[in-house]
PDB file of N, CA and C in Angstrom:
ATOM      1  N   MET A   1      29.863  10.877  20.618  1.00  0.00           N
ATOM      2  CA  MET A   1      28.978  12.009  20.757  1.00  0.00           C
ATOM      3  C   MET A   1      27.821  11.942  19.763  1.00  0.00           C
ATOM      4  N   GLU A   2      28.065  11.395  18.578  1.00  0.00           N
ATOM      5  CA  GLU A   2      27.007  11.333  17.571  1.00  0.00           C
ATOM      6  C   GLU A   2      26.125  10.101  17.726  1.00  0.00           C
ATOM      7  N   SER A   3      26.456   9.199  18.607  1.00  0.00           N
ATOM      8  CA  SER A   3      25.656   7.987  18.725  1.00  0.00           C
ATOM      9  C   SER A   3      24.324   8.251  19.424  1.00  0.00           C
ATOM     10  N   GLY A   4      24.253   9.256  20.273  1.00  0.00           N
ATOM     11  CA  GLY A   4      23.002   9.574  20.965  1.00  0.00           C
ATOM     12  C   GLY A   4      21.877   9.935  20.012  1.00  0.00           C
ATOM     13  N   PRO A   5      22.092  10.898  19.112  1.00  0.00           N
ATOM     14  CA  PRO A   5      21.041  11.228  18.150  1.00  0.00           C
ATOM     15  C   PRO A   5      20.706  10.076  17.205  1.00  0.00           C
ATOM     16  N   ALA A   6      21.688   9.268  16.845  1.00  0.00           N
ATOM     17  CA  ALA A   6      21.426   8.133  15.958  1.00  0.00           C
ATOM     18  C   ALA A   6      20.560   7.092  16.657  1.00  0.00           C
ATOM     19  N   ILE A   7      20.818   6.854  17.925  1.00  0.00           N
ATOM     20  CA  ILE A   7      20.002   5.903  18.677  1.00  0.00           C
ATOM     21  C   ILE A   7      18.584   6.436  18.815  1.00  0.00           C
ATOM     22  N   PHE A   8      18.453   7.727  19.137  1.00  0.00           N
ATOM     23  CA  PHE A   8      17.126   8.325  19.284  1.00  0.00           C
ATOM     24  C   PHE A   8      16.348   8.249  17.979  1.00  0.00           C
ATOM     25  N   ALA A   9      16.965   8.655  16.874  1.00  0.00           N
ATOM     26  CA  ALA A   9      16.275   8.626  15.574  1.00  0.00           C
ATOM     27  C   ALA A   9      15.927   7.194  15.178  1.00  0.00           C
ATOM     28  N   GLY A  10      16.831   6.267  15.404  1.00  0.00           N
ATOM     29  CA  GLY A  10      16.563   4.875  15.074  1.00  0.00           C
ATOM     30  C   GLY A  10      15.408   4.311  15.864  1.00  0.00           C
ATOM     31  N   MET A  11      15.329   4.645  17.141  1.00  0.00           N
ATOM     32  CA  MET A  11      14.229   4.149  17.968  1.00  0.00           C
ATOM     33  C   MET A  11      12.898   4.787  17.578  1.00  0.00           C
ATOM     34  N   VAL A  12      12.922   6.063  17.219  1.00  0.00           N
ATOM     35  CA  VAL A  12      11.688   6.728  16.774  1.00  0.00           C
ATOM     36  C   VAL A  12      11.184   6.085  15.487  1.00  0.00           C
ATOM     37  N   PHE A  13      12.079   5.870  14.538  1.00  0.00           N
ATOM     38  CA  PHE A  13      11.684   5.214  13.287  1.00  0.00           C
ATOM     39  C   PHE A  13      11.176   3.796  13.553  1.00  0.00           C
ATOM     40  N   ALA A  14      11.837   3.070  14.441  1.00  0.00           N
ATOM     41  CA  ALA A  14      11.426   1.692  14.728  1.00  0.00           C
ATOM     42  C   ALA A  14      10.050   1.644  15.394  1.00  0.00           C
ATOM     43  N   LEU A  15       9.815   2.509  16.355  1.00  0.00           N
ATOM     44  CA  LEU A  15       8.511   2.528  17.018  1.00  0.00           C
ATOM     45  C   LEU A  15       7.403   2.948  16.064  1.00  0.00           C
ATOM     46  N   PHE A  16       7.672   3.954  15.235  1.00  0.00           N
ATOM     47  CA  PHE A  16       6.663   4.394  14.280  1.00  0.00           C
ATOM     48  C   PHE A  16       6.361   3.303  13.262  1.00  0.00           C
ATOM     49  N   GLY A  17       7.396   2.694  12.691  1.00  0.00           N
ATOM     50  CA  GLY A  17       7.201   1.654  11.685  1.00  0.00           C
ATOM     51  C   GLY A  17       6.481   0.439  12.238  1.00  0.00           C
ATOM     52  N   ALA A  18       6.879   0.002  13.430  1.00  0.00           N
ATOM     53  CA  ALA A  18       6.226  -1.164  14.035  1.00  0.00           C
ATOM     54  C   ALA A  18       4.778  -0.849  14.403  1.00  0.00           C
ATOM     55  N   GLY A  19       4.546   0.338  14.925  1.00  0.00           N
ATOM     56  CA  GLY A  19       3.187   0.726  15.281  1.00  0.00           C
ATOM     57  C   GLY A  19       2.281   0.840  14.074  1.00  0.00           C
ATOM     58  N   LEU A  20       2.792   1.453  13.011  1.00  0.00           N
ATOM     59  CA  LEU A  20       1.998   1.603  11.796  1.00  0.00           C
ATOM     60  C   LEU A  20       1.704   0.253  11.157  1.00  0.00           C
ATOM     61  N   LEU A  21       2.677  -0.632  11.155  1.00  0.00           N
ATOM     62  CA  LEU A  21       2.474  -1.960  10.582  1.00  0.00           C
ATOM     63  C   LEU A  21       1.463  -2.763  11.405  1.00  0.00           C
ATOM     64  N   ALA A  22       1.551  -2.682  12.721  1.00  0.00           N
ATOM     65  CA  ALA A  22       0.602  -3.393  13.581  1.00  0.00           C
ATOM     66  C   ALA A  22      -0.807  -2.816  13.428  1.00  0.00           C
ATOM     67  N   TRP A  23      -0.912  -1.496  13.376  1.00  0.00           N
ATOM     68  CA  TRP A  23      -2.217  -0.854  13.238  1.00  0.00           C
ATOM     69  C   TRP A  23      -2.857  -1.194  11.897  1.00  0.00           C
ATOM     70  N   THR A  24      -2.067  -1.185  10.839  1.00  0.00           N
ATOM     71  CA  THR A  24      -2.589  -1.524   9.516  1.00  0.00           C
ATOM     72  C   THR A  24      -3.068  -2.970   9.482  1.00  0.00           C
ATOM     73  N   GLY A  25      -2.286  -3.869  10.039  1.00  0.00           N
ATOM     74  CA  GLY A  25      -2.687  -5.277  10.076  1.00  0.00           C
ATOM     75  C   GLY A  25      -3.950  -5.493  10.888  1.00  0.00           C
ATOM     76  N   LEU A  26      -4.082  -4.802  12.000  1.00  0.00           N
ATOM     77  CA  LEU A  26      -5.283  -4.931  12.822  1.00  0.00           C
ATOM     78  C   LEU A  26      -6.513  -4.404  12.097  1.00  0.00           C
ATOM     79  N   ARG A  27      -6.373  -3.273  11.413  1.00  0.00           N
ATOM     80  CA  ARG A  27      -7.503  -2.714  10.658  1.00  0.00           C
ATOM     81  C   ARG A  27      -7.924  -3.655   9.530  1.00  0.00           C
ATOM     82  N   LEU A  28      -6.966  -4.243   8.851  1.00  0.00           N
ATOM     83  CA  LEU A  28      -7.285  -5.165   7.767  1.00  0.00           C
ATOM     84  C   LEU A  28      -7.935  -6.442   8.291  1.00  0.00           C
ATOM     85  N   ARG A  29      -7.454  -6.952   9.421  1.00  0.00           N
ATOM     86  CA  ARG A  29      -8.019  -8.172   9.993  1.00  0.00           C
ATOM     87  C   ARG A  29      -9.476  -7.960  10.407  1.00  0.00           C
ATOM     88  N   ARG A  30      -9.782  -6.771  10.910  1.00  0.00           N
ATOM     89  CA  ARG A  30     -11.151  -6.467  11.320  1.00  0.00           C
ATOM     90  C   ARG A  30     -12.058  -6.096  10.141  1.00  0.00           C
ATOM     91  N   GLY A  31     -11.490  -5.876   8.984  1.00  0.00           N
ATOM     92  CA  GLY A  31     -12.261  -5.496   7.810  1.00  0.00           C
ATOM     93  C   GLY A  31     -12.618  -4.027   7.766  1.00  0.00           C
ATOM     94  N   GLU A  32     -11.929  -3.227   8.547  1.00  0.00           N
ATOM     95  CA  GLU A  32     -12.173  -1.791   8.601  1.00  0.00           C
ATOM     96  C   GLU A  32     -11.249  -1.079   7.614  1.00  0.00           C
ATOM     97  N   PRO A  33     -11.642   0.097   7.146  1.00  0.00           N
ATOM     98  CA  PRO A  33     -10.778   0.825   6.209  1.00  0.00           C
ATOM     99  C   PRO A  33      -9.536   1.367   6.916  1.00  0.00           C
ATOM    100  N   VAL A  34      -8.443   1.400   6.200  1.00  0.00           N
ATOM    101  CA  VAL A  34      -7.202   1.944   6.748  1.00  0.00           C
ATOM    102  C   VAL A  34      -7.243   3.470   6.695  1.00  0.00           C
ATOM    103  N   ALA A  35      -7.794   4.024   5.631  1.00  0.00           N
ATOM    104  CA  ALA A  35      -7.963   5.466   5.492  1.00  0.00           C
ATOM    105  C   ALA A  35      -9.383   5.729   5.003  1.00  0.00           C
ATOM    106  N   ALA A  36      -9.988   6.766   5.521  1.00  0.00           N
ATOM    107  CA  ALA A  36     -11.371   7.078   5.165  1.00  0.00           C
ATOM    108  C   ALA A  36     -11.460   7.633   3.751  1.00  0.00           C
ATOM    109  N   GLY A  37     -12.372   7.084   2.965  1.00  0.00           N
ATOM    110  CA  GLY A  37     -12.628   7.594   1.633  1.00  0.00           C
ATOM    111  C   GLY A  37     -11.633   7.170   0.568  1.00  0.00           C
ATOM    112  N   VAL A  38     -10.797   6.196   0.875  1.00  0.00           N
ATOM    113  CA  VAL A  38      -9.766   5.738  -0.068  1.00  0.00           C
ATOM    114  C   VAL A  38      -9.963   4.245  -0.276  1.00  0.00           C
ATOM    115  N   ASN A  39      -9.580   3.766  -1.441  1.00  0.00           N
ATOM    116  CA  ASN A  39      -9.641   2.335  -1.730  1.00  0.00           C
ATOM    117  C   ASN A  39      -8.881   1.566  -0.645  1.00  0.00           C
ATOM    118  N   ARG A  40      -9.494   0.499  -0.146  1.00  0.00           N
ATOM    119  CA  ARG A  40      -8.915  -0.257   0.968  1.00  0.00           C
ATOM    120  C   ARG A  40      -7.572  -0.879   0.622  1.00  0.00           C
ATOM    121  N   VAL A  41      -7.459  -1.416  -0.571  1.00  0.00           N
ATOM    122  CA  VAL A  41      -6.208  -2.063  -0.976  1.00  0.00           C
ATOM    123  C   VAL A  41      -5.097  -1.025  -1.159  1.00  0.00           C
ATOM    124  N   ALA A  42      -5.432   0.098  -1.788  1.00  0.00           N
ATOM    125  CA  ALA A  42      -4.428   1.136  -2.020  1.00  0.00           C
ATOM    126  C   ALA A  42      -3.934   1.740  -0.712  1.00  0.00           C
ATOM    127  N   SER A  43      -4.847   2.013   0.210  1.00  0.00           N
ATOM    128  CA  SER A  43      -4.430   2.611   1.476  1.00  0.00           C
ATOM    129  C   SER A  43      -3.614   1.636   2.312  1.00  0.00           C
ATOM    130  N   ALA A  44      -3.955   0.362   2.265  1.00  0.00           N
ATOM    131  CA  ALA A  44      -3.171  -0.639   2.989  1.00  0.00           C
ATOM    132  C   ALA A  44      -1.779  -0.777   2.385  1.00  0.00           C
ATOM    133  N   ALA A  45      -1.700  -0.705   1.063  1.00  0.00           N
ATOM    134  CA  ALA A  45      -0.394  -0.807   0.404  1.00  0.00           C
ATOM    135  C   ALA A  45       0.493   0.392   0.744  1.00  0.00           C
ATOM    136  N   VAL A  46      -0.072   1.580   0.717  1.00  0.00           N
ATOM    137  CA  VAL A  46       0.712   2.785   1.021  1.00  0.00           C
ATOM    138  C   VAL A  46       1.158   2.771   2.484  1.00  0.00           C
ATOM    139  N   ALA A  47       0.273   2.382   3.387  1.00  0.00           N
ATOM    140  CA  ALA A  47       0.636   2.322   4.804  1.00  0.00           C
ATOM    141  C   ALA A  47       1.708   1.266   5.053  1.00  0.00           C
ATOM    142  N   SER A  48       1.623   0.144   4.367  1.00  0.00           N
ATOM    143  CA  SER A  48       2.629  -0.906   4.529  1.00  0.00           C
ATOM    144  C   SER A  48       3.988  -0.476   3.984  1.00  0.00           C
ATOM    145  N   VAL A  49       3.975   0.219   2.871  1.00  0.00           N
ATOM    146  CA  VAL A  49       5.235   0.726   2.311  1.00  0.00           C
ATOM    147  C   VAL A  49       5.850   1.762   3.244  1.00  0.00           C
ATOM    148  N   ALA A  50       5.032   2.653   3.792  1.00  0.00           N
ATOM    149  CA  ALA A  50       5.539   3.660   4.724  1.00  0.00           C
ATOM    150  C   ALA A  50       6.124   3.011   5.972  1.00  0.00           C
ATOM    151  N   ALA A  51       5.471   1.978   6.482  1.00  0.00           N
ATOM    152  CA  ALA A  51       5.985   1.270   7.651  1.00  0.00           C
ATOM    153  C   ALA A  51       7.293   0.561   7.334  1.00  0.00           C
ATOM    154  N   THR A  52       7.385  -0.037   6.172  1.00  0.00           N
ATOM    155  CA  THR A  52       8.614  -0.724   5.777  1.00  0.00           C
ATOM    156  C   THR A  52       9.768   0.253   5.607  1.00  0.00           C
ATOM    157  N   VAL A  53       9.489   1.407   5.026  1.00  0.00           N
ATOM    158  CA  VAL A  53      10.522   2.439   4.867  1.00  0.00           C
ATOM    159  C   VAL A  53      10.987   2.930   6.235  1.00  0.00           C
ATOM    160  N   ALA A  54      10.062   3.132   7.160  1.00  0.00           N
ATOM    161  CA  ALA A  54      10.436   3.569   8.500  1.00  0.00           C
ATOM    162  C   ALA A  54      11.299   2.523   9.201  1.00  0.00           C
ATOM    163  N   LEU A  55      10.961   1.256   9.051  1.00  0.00           N
ATOM    164  CA  LEU A  55      11.774   0.199   9.661  1.00  0.00           C
ATOM    165  C   LEU A  55      13.153   0.100   9.008  1.00  0.00           C
ATOM    166  N   ALA A  56      13.213   0.336   7.702  1.00  0.00           N
ATOM    167  CA  ALA A  56      14.512   0.330   7.017  1.00  0.00           C
ATOM    168  C   ALA A  56      15.373   1.503   7.491  1.00  0.00           C
ATOM    169  N   LEU A  57      14.754   2.664   7.660  1.00  0.00           N
ATOM    170  CA  LEU A  57      15.502   3.822   8.193  1.00  0.00           C
ATOM    171  C   LEU A  57      15.971   3.571   9.621  1.00  0.00           C
ATOM    172  N   ALA A  58      15.165   2.888  10.402  1.00  0.00           N
ATOM    173  CA  ALA A  58      15.579   2.536  11.766  1.00  0.00           C
ATOM    174  C   ALA A  58      16.800   1.623  11.729  1.00  0.00           C
ATOM    175  N   ALA A  59      16.764   0.639  10.865  1.00  0.00           N
ATOM    176  CA  ALA A  59      17.909  -0.268  10.746  1.00  0.00           C
ATOM    177  C   ALA A  59      19.154   0.487  10.283  1.00  0.00           C
ATOM    178  N   TYR A  60      18.983   1.403   9.357  1.00  0.00           N
ATOM    179  CA  TYR A  60      20.112   2.207   8.866  1.00  0.00           C
ATOM    180  C   TYR A  60      20.706   3.052   9.995  1.00  0.00           C
ATOM    181  N   CYS A  61      19.835   3.727  10.759  1.00  0.00           N
ATOM    182  CA  CYS A  61      20.319   4.573  11.840  1.00  0.00           C
ATOM    183  C   CYS A  61      21.030   3.761  12.923  1.00  0.00           C
ATOM    184  N   LEU A  62      20.460   2.618  13.238  1.00  0.00           N
ATOM    185  CA  LEU A  62      21.047   1.825  14.322  1.00  0.00           C
ATOM    186  C   LEU A  62      22.303   1.072  13.911  1.00  0.00           C
ATOM    187  N   THR A  63      22.508   0.873  12.618  1.00  0.00           N
ATOM    188  CA  THR A  63      23.752   0.223  12.190  1.00  0.00           C
ATOM    189  C   THR A  63      24.869   1.222  11.970  1.00  0.00           C
ATOM    190  N   ARG A  64      24.575   2.508  11.999  1.00  0.00           N
ATOM    191  CA  ARG A  64      25.599   3.538  11.804  1.00  0.00           C
ATOM    192  C   ARG A  64      26.213   4.024  13.099  1.00  0.00           C
ATOM    193  N   LEU A  65      26.058   3.261  14.166  1.00  0.00           N
ATOM    194  CA  LEU A  65      26.637   3.657  15.453  1.00  0.00           C
ATOM    195  C   LEU A  65      28.086   3.385  15.402  1.00  0.00           C
TER     196      LEU A  65
END
């Protein structure tokens, strides 16, 4: 009964983390800022850390089935 919410949460975290990581990489490859008005390196680092944390939470949720 508890596996349904864990699968849903894990998939949401995985999609968000993968999307954020892909979007950040695409913005950096094009030379565009990741966040407006913020240092490019700092915003890329924060976005990458957030994406990594989301992917780690996805792995945690999906291994707790």
